[in-house]
Amino acid sequence: AGTLWVCDRCFKYMKNASSHEHHFKTCHLSHPPGRKVYQKGALTIWEVDGALSKLFCQNLSLFGKLFIDVKEIYFDVEPFMFYLLTDGDPKRDHVLGFFSKEKVSYDNNNLACIITFPPYQKRGYGMLMIEFSYELSRRDGVFGSPERPLSESGVRTYLAFWISMLVRHMRLAFEVPGSPTRSGTNIRRWKNTKGWDGELPRTRARAGALPNGSHQEDPFAGRRTISGLDVSVKISLQDLAQATYIRPEDIAMALNECSLLKRQRTMGTDSHAEIIISQRDLERVAETYHVKPQFLHLDHVML
């Protein structure tokens, strides 16, 4: 088999080393075309319009296809926006991975395909990009979901993301406004060497985490039930969707996966049907799935 030479700046591909060497001397692209939409430290997410940077996005899609079997975006890149995650040094930004998103999606898909390049996998970069895709849904005011079909690894990744996002939100249901948060010294912190090590302070909780965006009133007042040493709360799929911008069907899939959907009060698919979730069960799920704080820092979003 031959060797394919690819520029790691513009992703142009060449068939021999001499062409690559000549191109490397003339390619002065120091970062992806487009605008910055997120930056924290050296990590940056760039938004690139497939219509404005057509050749770059075509080359990027072809390179990504080397690692993705279930998606097909080659030359028809104009209907898509591309979001590239880079790690910067004093000279330039290095692309770690990317995801694409349809400009107009009647199914409210917030992600068409995603890839973290092999040298940078298992570092949380994929989760960061997925979290950013849902931040785009939140800003659009729609319940988002990835384009189907998902690969087996895609299903596992999204289930882990949905469960983590839901656990982080549902923990707020067990907090009473004005009382110490999990970051307080008087509250026992769940610790696991492989997972979560305490929740973020309430003041840094996810924007819009409470229904209607309220951080003053207690939206779960009257929904909590104390039984012995355990506390339960009633919550609906619609409540969770409005807080996380995850599609209700995906929420049901995630809750079923971690056995939190078994206490549904009413049968059927009504997203307003209430589910009773106990704090003990929730923390069991958090420990089992190694739920960690969110990777995305909302105060670094530049949209």
C-alpha atoms as a PDB file:
ATOM      1  CA  ALA A   1       0.000   0.000   0.000  1.00  0.00           C
ATOM      2  CA  GLY A   2       1.177   3.502  -0.784  1.00  0.00           C
ATOM      3  CA  THR A   3       1.532   6.449   1.581  1.00  0.00           C
ATOM      4  CA  LEU A   4      -0.825   9.406   1.548  1.00  0.00           C
ATOM      5  CA  TRP A   5       0.747  12.685   2.593  1.00  0.00           C
ATOM      6  CA  VAL A   6      -1.587  15.216   4.227  1.00  0.00           C
ATOM      7  CA  CYS A   7      -0.881  18.779   5.337  1.00  0.00           C
ATOM      8  CA  ASP A   8      -1.862  19.161   8.991  1.00  0.00           C
ATOM      9  CA  ARG A   9      -2.714  22.834   8.408  1.00  0.00           C
ATOM     10  CA  CYS A  10      -5.007  22.893   5.354  1.00  0.00           C
ATOM     11  CA  PHE A  11      -5.511  19.091   4.992  1.00  0.00           C
ATOM     12  CA  LYS A  12      -4.514  19.084   1.340  1.00  0.00           C
ATOM     13  CA  TYR A  13      -3.456  15.572   0.339  1.00  0.00           C
ATOM     14  CA  MET A  14      -0.470  14.586  -1.809  1.00  0.00           C
ATOM     15  CA  LYS A  15       0.874  11.309  -3.173  1.00  0.00           C
ATOM     16  CA  ASN A  16       4.601  11.740  -2.520  1.00  0.00           C
ATOM     17  CA  ALA A  17       7.000  13.232   0.006  1.00  0.00           C
ATOM     18  CA  SER A  18       8.510  15.802  -2.350  1.00  0.00           C
ATOM     19  CA  SER A  19       5.110  17.360  -3.060  1.00  0.00           C
ATOM     20  CA  HIS A  20       4.384  17.455   0.653  1.00  0.00           C
ATOM     21  CA  GLU A  21       7.732  19.080   1.413  1.00  0.00           C
ATOM     22  CA  HIS A  22       7.177  21.748  -1.235  1.00  0.00           C
ATOM     23  CA  HIS A  23       3.639  22.403   0.005  1.00  0.00           C
ATOM     24  CA  PHE A  24       4.797  22.631   3.624  1.00  0.00           C
ATOM     25  CA  LYS A  25       7.140  25.486   2.692  1.00  0.00           C
ATOM     26  CA  THR A  26       4.355  27.463   1.017  1.00  0.00           C
ATOM     27  CA  CYS A  27       1.383  26.748   3.319  1.00  0.00           C
ATOM     28  CA  HIS A  28       1.261  29.536   5.885  1.00  0.00           C
ATOM     29  CA  LEU A  29      -2.126  28.744   7.453  1.00  0.00           C
ATOM     30  CA  SER A  30      -1.597  29.209  11.190  1.00  0.00           C
ATOM     31  CA  HIS A  31      -5.160  28.375  12.231  1.00  0.00           C
ATOM     32  CA  PRO A  32      -8.403  27.207  10.596  1.00  0.00           C
ATOM     33  CA  PRO A  33     -10.268  29.787   8.518  1.00  0.00           C
ATOM     34  CA  GLY A  34     -13.337  31.243  10.180  1.00  0.00           C
ATOM     35  CA  ARG A  35     -13.949  32.723  13.611  1.00  0.00           C
ATOM     36  CA  LYS A  36     -13.244  31.744  17.193  1.00  0.00           C
ATOM     37  CA  VAL A  37     -16.356  30.651  19.061  1.00  0.00           C
ATOM     38  CA  TYR A  38     -14.707  29.215  22.177  1.00  0.00           C
ATOM     39  CA  GLN A  39     -11.332  29.612  23.841  1.00  0.00           C
ATOM     40  CA  LYS A  40     -10.003  28.472  27.182  1.00  0.00           C
ATOM     41  CA  GLY A  41      -6.266  28.527  27.516  1.00  0.00           C
ATOM     42  CA  ALA A  42      -4.677  26.912  24.477  1.00  0.00           C
ATOM     43  CA  LEU A  43      -7.892  25.103  23.475  1.00  0.00           C
ATOM     44  CA  THR A  44      -9.961  26.893  20.833  1.00  0.00           C
ATOM     45  CA  ILE A  45     -13.036  25.980  18.805  1.00  0.00           C
ATOM     46  CA  TRP A  46     -13.220  27.561  15.350  1.00  0.00           C
ATOM     47  CA  GLU A  47     -16.429  27.915  13.342  1.00  0.00           C
ATOM     48  CA  VAL A  48     -15.847  27.427   9.606  1.00  0.00           C
ATOM     49  CA  ASP A  49     -18.563  27.925   6.980  1.00  0.00           C
ATOM     50  CA  GLY A  50     -18.517  25.163   4.369  1.00  0.00           C
ATOM     51  CA  ALA A  51     -19.703  27.614   1.714  1.00  0.00           C
ATOM     52  CA  LEU A  52     -17.007  30.209   2.421  1.00  0.00           C
ATOM     53  CA  SER A  53     -14.095  27.780   2.890  1.00  0.00           C
ATOM     54  CA  LYS A  54     -15.205  25.046   0.525  1.00  0.00           C
ATOM     55  CA  LEU A  55     -11.845  23.498  -0.401  1.00  0.00           C
ATOM     56  CA  PHE A  56     -10.611  23.475   3.200  1.00  0.00           C
ATOM     57  CA  CYS A  57     -13.804  21.764   4.407  1.00  0.00           C
ATOM     58  CA  GLN A  58     -13.726  19.239   1.554  1.00  0.00           C
ATOM     59  CA  ASN A  59     -10.155  18.281   2.418  1.00  0.00           C
ATOM     60  CA  LEU A  60     -11.038  18.122   6.112  1.00  0.00           C
ATOM     61  CA  SER A  61     -14.035  15.876   5.394  1.00  0.00           C
ATOM     62  CA  LEU A  62     -11.965  13.530   3.251  1.00  0.00           C
ATOM     63  CA  PHE A  63      -9.347  13.280   5.988  1.00  0.00           C
ATOM     64  CA  GLY A  64     -12.024  12.624   8.606  1.00  0.00           C
ATOM     65  CA  LYS A  65     -13.501   9.897   6.407  1.00  0.00           C
ATOM     66  CA  LEU A  66     -10.324   7.884   7.014  1.00  0.00           C
ATOM     67  CA  PHE A  67     -11.572   7.355  10.584  1.00  0.00           C
ATOM     68  CA  ILE A  68     -15.378   7.384  10.107  1.00  0.00           C
ATOM     69  CA  ASP A  69     -17.297   4.646   8.297  1.00  0.00           C
ATOM     70  CA  VAL A  70     -20.935   5.606   8.845  1.00  0.00           C
ATOM     71  CA  LYS A  71     -20.965   9.202   7.600  1.00  0.00           C
ATOM     72  CA  GLU A  72     -20.637  10.503   4.073  1.00  0.00           C
ATOM     73  CA  ILE A  73     -19.674  14.152   3.716  1.00  0.00           C
ATOM     74  CA  TYR A  74     -17.196  14.618   0.917  1.00  0.00           C
ATOM     75  CA  PHE A  75     -17.705  17.436  -1.539  1.00  0.00           C
ATOM     76  CA  ASP A  76     -21.176  18.742  -0.650  1.00  0.00           C
ATOM     77  CA  VAL A  77     -19.947  20.820   2.281  1.00  0.00           C
ATOM     78  CA  GLU A  78     -21.787  24.081   1.570  1.00  0.00           C
ATOM     79  CA  PRO A  79     -24.887  23.224   3.693  1.00  0.00           C
ATOM     80  CA  PHE A  80     -22.681  22.578   6.747  1.00  0.00           C
ATOM     81  CA  MET A  81     -20.863  24.489   9.443  1.00  0.00           C
ATOM     82  CA  PHE A  82     -17.666  22.901  10.726  1.00  0.00           C
ATOM     83  CA  TYR A  83     -16.370  23.300  14.269  1.00  0.00           C
ATOM     84  CA  LEU A  84     -12.676  22.516  14.716  1.00  0.00           C
ATOM     85  CA  LEU A  85     -11.049  22.013  18.107  1.00  0.00           C
ATOM     86  CA  THR A  86      -7.420  23.146  18.180  1.00  0.00           C
ATOM     87  CA  ASP A  87      -4.550  23.246  20.646  1.00  0.00           C
ATOM     88  CA  GLY A  88      -2.351  26.284  20.210  1.00  0.00           C
ATOM     89  CA  ASP A  89       1.334  26.954  20.640  1.00  0.00           C
ATOM     90  CA  PRO A  90       3.223  30.234  20.058  1.00  0.00           C
ATOM     91  CA  LYS A  91       3.462  29.513  16.323  1.00  0.00           C
ATOM     92  CA  ARG A  92       0.081  28.067  15.312  1.00  0.00           C
ATOM     93  CA  ASP A  93      -3.001  26.043  16.219  1.00  0.00           C
ATOM     94  CA  HIS A  94      -2.997  22.261  15.788  1.00  0.00           C
ATOM     95  CA  VAL A  95      -6.317  20.595  14.895  1.00  0.00           C
ATOM     96  CA  LEU A  96      -7.332  17.884  17.383  1.00  0.00           C
ATOM     97  CA  GLY A  97     -10.690  16.991  15.856  1.00  0.00           C
ATOM     98  CA  PHE A  98     -13.892  18.465  14.495  1.00  0.00           C
ATOM     99  CA  PHE A  99     -17.628  18.078  14.149  1.00  0.00           C
ATOM    100  CA  SER A 100     -20.001  19.246  11.449  1.00  0.00           C
ATOM    101  CA  LYS A 101     -23.535  20.579  11.756  1.00  0.00           C
ATOM    102  CA  GLU A 102     -26.209  21.258   9.152  1.00  0.00           C
ATOM    103  CA  LYS A 103     -27.032  24.942   8.799  1.00  0.00           C
ATOM    104  CA  VAL A 104     -30.718  24.045   8.449  1.00  0.00           C
ATOM    105  CA  SER A 105     -31.966  20.862  10.105  1.00  0.00           C
ATOM    106  CA  TYR A 106     -35.685  20.166  10.243  1.00  0.00           C
ATOM    107  CA  ASP A 107     -34.979  17.462  12.836  1.00  0.00           C
ATOM    108  CA  ASN A 108     -32.983  19.906  15.006  1.00  0.00           C
ATOM    109  CA  ASN A 109     -29.834  17.824  14.607  1.00  0.00           C
ATOM    110  CA  ASN A 110     -26.963  19.629  16.302  1.00  0.00           C
ATOM    111  CA  LEU A 111     -24.226  17.345  14.976  1.00  0.00           C
ATOM    112  CA  ALA A 112     -23.782  15.462  11.698  1.00  0.00           C
ATOM    113  CA  CYS A 113     -20.425  13.781  12.264  1.00  0.00           C
ATOM    114  CA  ILE A 114     -17.643  14.039  14.824  1.00  0.00           C
ATOM    115  CA  ILE A 115     -14.091  12.774  14.998  1.00  0.00           C
ATOM    116  CA  THR A 116     -11.247  13.208  17.440  1.00  0.00           C
ATOM    117  CA  PHE A 117      -8.068  12.359  15.582  1.00  0.00           C
ATOM    118  CA  PRO A 118      -6.458   9.141  16.895  1.00  0.00           C
ATOM    119  CA  PRO A 119      -3.412  10.723  18.638  1.00  0.00           C
ATOM    120  CA  TYR A 120      -5.730  12.875  20.773  1.00  0.00           C
ATOM    121  CA  GLN A 121      -8.443  10.408  21.757  1.00  0.00           C
ATOM    122  CA  LYS A 122      -9.324   9.435  25.349  1.00  0.00           C
ATOM    123  CA  ARG A 123      -8.614  12.963  26.612  1.00  0.00           C
ATOM    124  CA  GLY A 124     -12.152  14.362  26.818  1.00  0.00           C
ATOM    125  CA  TYR A 125     -11.946  16.355  23.580  1.00  0.00           C
ATOM    126  CA  GLY A 126     -14.874  14.502  22.006  1.00  0.00           C
ATOM    127  CA  MET A 127     -17.038  15.221  25.040  1.00  0.00           C
ATOM    128  CA  LEU A 128     -16.060  18.895  24.886  1.00  0.00           C
ATOM    129  CA  MET A 129     -17.207  19.110  21.262  1.00  0.00           C
ATOM    130  CA  ILE A 130     -20.497  17.336  22.027  1.00  0.00           C
ATOM    131  CA  GLU A 131     -21.135  19.704  24.929  1.00  0.00           C
ATOM    132  CA  PHE A 132     -20.504  22.636  22.598  1.00  0.00           C
ATOM    133  CA  SER A 133     -23.001  21.229  20.073  1.00  0.00           C
ATOM    134  CA  TYR A 134     -25.672  21.270  22.794  1.00  0.00           C
ATOM    135  CA  GLU A 135     -24.685  24.805  23.738  1.00  0.00           C
ATOM    136  CA  LEU A 136     -25.499  25.709  20.125  1.00  0.00           C
ATOM    137  CA  SER A 137     -28.915  24.053  20.577  1.00  0.00           C
ATOM    138  CA  ARG A 138     -29.467  25.993  23.797  1.00  0.00           C
ATOM    139  CA  ARG A 139     -28.713  29.267  22.042  1.00  0.00           C
ATOM    140  CA  ASP A 140     -31.072  28.301  19.207  1.00  0.00           C
ATOM    141  CA  GLY A 141     -33.761  27.403  21.751  1.00  0.00           C
ATOM    142  CA  VAL A 142     -34.329  23.867  20.415  1.00  0.00           C
ATOM    143  CA  PHE A 143     -33.977  20.341  21.772  1.00  0.00           C
ATOM    144  CA  GLY A 144     -30.930  18.975  19.959  1.00  0.00           C
ATOM    145  CA  SER A 145     -29.877  15.503  18.922  1.00  0.00           C
ATOM    146  CA  PRO A 146     -27.124  13.967  16.774  1.00  0.00           C
ATOM    147  CA  GLU A 147     -27.873  12.820  13.258  1.00  0.00           C
ATOM    148  CA  ARG A 148     -28.691   9.133  12.913  1.00  0.00           C
ATOM    149  CA  PRO A 149     -27.511   6.464  12.446  1.00  0.00           C
ATOM    150  CA  LEU A 150     -24.928   6.418  15.220  1.00  0.00           C
ATOM    151  CA  SER A 151     -22.050   3.974  15.236  1.00  0.00           C
ATOM    152  CA  GLU A 152     -21.660   1.609  18.184  1.00  0.00           C
ATOM    153  CA  SER A 153     -18.986   3.855  19.662  1.00  0.00           C
ATOM    154  CA  GLY A 154     -21.220   6.864  18.970  1.00  0.00           C
ATOM    155  CA  VAL A 155     -24.082   5.308  20.930  1.00  0.00           C
ATOM    156  CA  ARG A 156     -21.770   4.626  23.879  1.00  0.00           C
ATOM    157  CA  THR A 157     -20.355   8.149  23.775  1.00  0.00           C
ATOM    158  CA  TYR A 158     -23.751   9.826  23.622  1.00  0.00           C
ATOM    159  CA  LEU A 159     -25.227   7.654  26.366  1.00  0.00           C
ATOM    160  CA  ALA A 160     -22.298   8.647  28.592  1.00  0.00           C
ATOM    161  CA  PHE A 161     -22.829  12.312  27.713  1.00  0.00           C
ATOM    162  CA  TRP A 162     -26.606  12.266  28.220  1.00  0.00           C
ATOM    163  CA  ILE A 163     -26.346  10.418  31.535  1.00  0.00           C
ATOM    164  CA  SER A 164     -23.668  12.809  32.818  1.00  0.00           C
ATOM    165  CA  MET A 165     -25.628  15.891  31.776  1.00  0.00           C
ATOM    166  CA  LEU A 166     -28.836  14.564  33.351  1.00  0.00           C
ATOM    167  CA  VAL A 167     -27.130  13.574  36.599  1.00  0.00           C
ATOM    168  CA  ARG A 168     -25.531  17.010  36.931  1.00  0.00           C
ATOM    169  CA  HIS A 169     -28.893  18.678  36.445  1.00  0.00           C
ATOM    170  CA  MET A 170     -30.901  16.325  38.650  1.00  0.00           C
ATOM    171  CA  ARG A 171     -28.468  16.892  41.505  1.00  0.00           C
ATOM    172  CA  LEU A 172     -29.800  20.451  41.570  1.00  0.00           C
ATOM    173  CA  ALA A 173     -33.240  19.029  42.349  1.00  0.00           C
ATOM    174  CA  PHE A 174     -31.943  17.847  45.713  1.00  0.00           C
ATOM    175  CA  GLU A 175     -30.523  21.252  46.636  1.00  0.00           C
ATOM    176  CA  VAL A 176     -32.670  23.783  48.467  1.00  0.00           C
ATOM    177  CA  PRO A 177     -31.920  27.419  47.527  1.00  0.00           C
ATOM    178  CA  GLY A 178     -30.093  29.141  50.367  1.00  0.00           C
ATOM    179  CA  SER A 179     -28.667  25.917  51.763  1.00  0.00           C
ATOM    180  CA  PRO A 180     -24.996  24.900  51.448  1.00  0.00           C
ATOM    181  CA  THR A 181     -24.083  23.359  48.101  1.00  0.00           C
ATOM    182  CA  ARG A 182     -22.013  20.275  47.481  1.00  0.00           C
ATOM    183  CA  SER A 183     -18.951  22.462  47.414  1.00  0.00           C
ATOM    184  CA  GLY A 184     -19.572  23.520  51.020  1.00  0.00           C
ATOM    185  CA  THR A 185     -17.481  22.133  53.827  1.00  0.00           C
ATOM    186  CA  ASN A 186     -20.482  20.719  55.704  1.00  0.00           C
ATOM    187  CA  ILE A 187     -21.720  18.583  52.817  1.00  0.00           C
ATOM    188  CA  ARG A 188     -20.358  15.095  52.247  1.00  0.00           C
ATOM    189  CA  ARG A 189     -18.620  14.884  48.886  1.00  0.00           C
ATOM    190  CA  TRP A 190     -18.792  11.760  46.761  1.00  0.00           C
ATOM    191  CA  LYS A 191     -15.282  10.784  45.753  1.00  0.00           C
ATOM    192  CA  ASN A 192     -14.087   8.223  43.275  1.00  0.00           C
ATOM    193  CA  THR A 193     -10.566   7.910  41.969  1.00  0.00           C
ATOM    194  CA  LYS A 194     -11.924   7.413  38.457  1.00  0.00           C
ATOM    195  CA  GLY A 195     -14.794   9.845  38.492  1.00  0.00           C
ATOM    196  CA  TRP A 196     -16.609  12.768  39.984  1.00  0.00           C
ATOM    197  CA  ASP A 197     -15.040  14.671  42.884  1.00  0.00           C
ATOM    198  CA  GLY A 198     -17.682  17.098  44.028  1.00  0.00           C
ATOM    199  CA  GLU A 199     -20.108  19.353  42.192  1.00  0.00           C
ATOM    200  CA  LEU A 200     -19.268  22.865  41.040  1.00  0.00           C
ATOM    201  CA  PRO A 201     -20.507  25.691  43.282  1.00  0.00           C
ATOM    202  CA  ARG A 202     -24.090  26.672  42.575  1.00  0.00           C
ATOM    203  CA  THR A 203     -22.992  30.062  41.268  1.00  0.00           C
ATOM    204  CA  ARG A 204     -21.086  28.266  38.512  1.00  0.00           C
ATOM    205  CA  ALA A 205     -23.856  25.839  37.632  1.00  0.00           C
ATOM    206  CA  ARG A 206     -24.848  25.509  34.005  1.00  0.00           C
ATOM    207  CA  ALA A 207     -26.657  28.560  32.694  1.00  0.00           C
ATOM    208  CA  GLY A 208     -30.357  27.848  32.362  1.00  0.00           C
ATOM    209  CA  ALA A 209     -30.048  24.686  34.443  1.00  0.00           C
ATOM    210  CA  LEU A 210     -33.246  25.454  36.320  1.00  0.00           C
ATOM    211  CA  PRO A 211     -36.587  25.581  34.480  1.00  0.00           C
ATOM    212  CA  ASN A 212     -37.391  29.085  33.214  1.00  0.00           C
ATOM    213  CA  GLY A 213     -33.781  30.093  33.962  1.00  0.00           C
ATOM    214  CA  SER A 214     -34.620  30.963  37.581  1.00  0.00           C
ATOM    215  CA  HIS A 215     -31.937  30.751  40.226  1.00  0.00           C
ATOM    216  CA  GLN A 216     -33.985  32.513  42.899  1.00  0.00           C
ATOM    217  CA  GLU A 217     -37.083  30.368  43.293  1.00  0.00           C
ATOM    218  CA  ASP A 218     -37.080  26.661  44.026  1.00  0.00           C
ATOM    219  CA  PRO A 219     -38.646  24.953  40.972  1.00  0.00           C
ATOM    220  CA  PHE A 220     -38.744  21.633  42.822  1.00  0.00           C
ATOM    221  CA  ALA A 221     -40.624  22.905  45.871  1.00  0.00           C
ATOM    222  CA  GLY A 222     -43.423  20.463  46.642  1.00  0.00           C
ATOM    223  CA  ARG A 223     -41.835  17.754  44.503  1.00  0.00           C
ATOM    224  CA  ARG A 224     -39.446  16.356  47.112  1.00  0.00           C
ATOM    225  CA  THR A 225     -40.322  13.427  49.355  1.00  0.00           C
ATOM    226  CA  ILE A 226     -38.234  12.353  52.353  1.00  0.00           C
ATOM    227  CA  SER A 227     -38.301   8.667  53.259  1.00  0.00           C
ATOM    228  CA  GLY A 228     -35.945   7.702  56.046  1.00  0.00           C
ATOM    229  CA  LEU A 229     -32.442   8.736  55.009  1.00  0.00           C
ATOM    230  CA  ASP A 230     -33.313   9.017  51.317  1.00  0.00           C
ATOM    231  CA  VAL A 231     -34.874  11.868  49.342  1.00  0.00           C
ATOM    232  CA  SER A 232     -36.910  11.481  46.155  1.00  0.00           C
ATOM    233  CA  VAL A 233     -38.014  14.076  43.641  1.00  0.00           C
ATOM    234  CA  LYS A 234     -40.684  14.079  40.936  1.00  0.00           C
ATOM    235  CA  ILE A 235     -39.492  15.306  37.562  1.00  0.00           C
ATOM    236  CA  SER A 236     -40.697  14.962  33.973  1.00  0.00           C
ATOM    237  CA  LEU A 237     -38.888  14.343  30.706  1.00  0.00           C
ATOM    238  CA  GLN A 238     -40.061  17.776  29.591  1.00  0.00           C
ATOM    239  CA  ASP A 239     -38.482  19.387  32.674  1.00  0.00           C
ATOM    240  CA  LEU A 240     -35.190  17.694  31.874  1.00  0.00           C
ATOM    241  CA  ALA A 241     -35.395  18.615  28.186  1.00  0.00           C
ATOM    242  CA  GLN A 242     -36.015  22.282  28.981  1.00  0.00           C
ATOM    243  CA  ALA A 243     -33.031  22.311  31.333  1.00  0.00           C
ATOM    244  CA  THR A 244     -30.528  20.410  29.191  1.00  0.00           C
ATOM    245  CA  TYR A 245     -31.833  20.903  25.607  1.00  0.00           C
ATOM    246  CA  ILE A 246     -31.560  17.157  25.084  1.00  0.00           C
ATOM    247  CA  ARG A 247     -34.431  15.692  23.070  1.00  0.00           C
ATOM    248  CA  PRO A 248     -36.982  13.916  25.341  1.00  0.00           C
ATOM    249  CA  GLU A 249     -36.610  10.643  23.416  1.00  0.00           C
ATOM    250  CA  ASP A 250     -32.857  10.702  24.044  1.00  0.00           C
ATOM    251  CA  ILE A 251     -33.454  11.470  27.717  1.00  0.00           C
ATOM    252  CA  ALA A 252     -35.764   8.456  27.997  1.00  0.00           C
ATOM    253  CA  MET A 253     -33.127   6.285  26.302  1.00  0.00           C
ATOM    254  CA  ALA A 254     -30.412   7.461  28.708  1.00  0.00           C
ATOM    255  CA  LEU A 255     -32.568   7.053  31.827  1.00  0.00           C
ATOM    256  CA  ASN A 256     -33.581   3.585  30.703  1.00  0.00           C
ATOM    257  CA  GLU A 257     -29.927   2.671  30.139  1.00  0.00           C
ATOM    258  CA  CYS A 258     -29.014   3.563  33.728  1.00  0.00           C
ATOM    259  CA  SER A 259     -32.250   2.110  35.194  1.00  0.00           C
ATOM    260  CA  LEU A 260     -33.700   5.444  36.328  1.00  0.00           C
ATOM    261  CA  LEU A 261     -36.789   5.214  34.113  1.00  0.00           C
ATOM    262  CA  LYS A 262     -38.282   2.271  35.980  1.00  0.00           C
ATOM    263  CA  ARG A 263     -40.215   4.510  38.385  1.00  0.00           C
ATOM    264  CA  GLN A 264     -42.358   6.239  35.803  1.00  0.00           C
ATOM    265  CA  ARG A 265     -45.738   7.122  37.318  1.00  0.00           C
ATOM    266  CA  THR A 266     -47.812   6.864  34.156  1.00  0.00           C
ATOM    267  CA  MET A 267     -47.477   4.663  31.117  1.00  0.00           C
ATOM    268  CA  GLY A 268     -47.103   5.941  27.583  1.00  0.00           C
ATOM    269  CA  THR A 269     -44.722   8.273  25.803  1.00  0.00           C
ATOM    270  CA  ASP A 270     -46.044  11.559  27.191  1.00  0.00           C
ATOM    271  CA  SER A 271     -42.982  13.693  27.904  1.00  0.00           C
ATOM    272  CA  HIS A 272     -44.896  15.360  30.754  1.00  0.00           C
ATOM    273  CA  ALA A 273     -45.309  12.075  32.654  1.00  0.00           C
ATOM    274  CA  GLU A 274     -43.473  12.370  35.964  1.00  0.00           C
ATOM    275  CA  ILE A 275     -40.621  10.125  37.043  1.00  0.00           C
ATOM    276  CA  ILE A 276     -39.697   9.614  40.677  1.00  0.00           C
ATOM    277  CA  ILE A 277     -35.932   9.557  41.202  1.00  0.00           C
ATOM    278  CA  SER A 278     -34.225   9.045  44.543  1.00  0.00           C
ATOM    279  CA  GLN A 279     -30.995  10.728  45.529  1.00  0.00           C
ATOM    280  CA  ARG A 280     -29.523   7.359  46.465  1.00  0.00           C
ATOM    281  CA  ASP A 281     -30.229   5.926  42.992  1.00  0.00           C
ATOM    282  CA  LEU A 282     -28.884   9.073  41.344  1.00  0.00           C
ATOM    283  CA  GLU A 283     -25.584   8.888  43.212  1.00  0.00           C
ATOM    284  CA  ARG A 284     -25.326   5.190  42.386  1.00  0.00           C
ATOM    285  CA  VAL A 285     -25.567   6.102  38.694  1.00  0.00           C
ATOM    286  CA  ALA A 286     -23.036   8.930  39.140  1.00  0.00           C
ATOM    287  CA  GLU A 287     -20.549   6.508  40.654  1.00  0.00           C
ATOM    288  CA  THR A 288     -21.203   3.725  38.138  1.00  0.00           C
ATOM    289  CA  TYR A 289     -20.810   6.009  35.111  1.00  0.00           C
ATOM    290  CA  HIS A 290     -17.983   8.106  36.597  1.00  0.00           C
ATOM    291  CA  VAL A 291     -19.875  11.371  36.140  1.00  0.00           C
ATOM    292  CA  LYS A 292     -17.492  14.313  36.048  1.00  0.00           C
ATOM    293  CA  PRO A 293     -17.962  18.089  35.904  1.00  0.00           C
ATOM    294  CA  GLN A 294     -18.757  19.560  32.517  1.00  0.00           C
ATOM    295  CA  PHE A 295     -15.740  20.042  30.230  1.00  0.00           C
ATOM    296  CA  LEU A 296     -17.193  23.133  28.544  1.00  0.00           C
ATOM    297  CA  HIS A 297     -16.776  26.422  30.419  1.00  0.00           C
ATOM    298  CA  LEU A 298     -19.694  28.627  29.403  1.00  0.00           C
ATOM    299  CA  ASP A 299     -17.935  31.864  30.309  1.00  0.00           C
ATOM    300  CA  HIS A 300     -15.394  31.114  27.560  1.00  0.00           C
ATOM    301  CA  VAL A 301     -17.988  30.767  24.778  1.00  0.00           C
ATOM    302  CA  MET A 302     -17.526  33.624  22.292  1.00  0.00           C
ATOM    303  CA  LEU A 303     -20.835  33.542  20.408  1.00  0.00           C
END
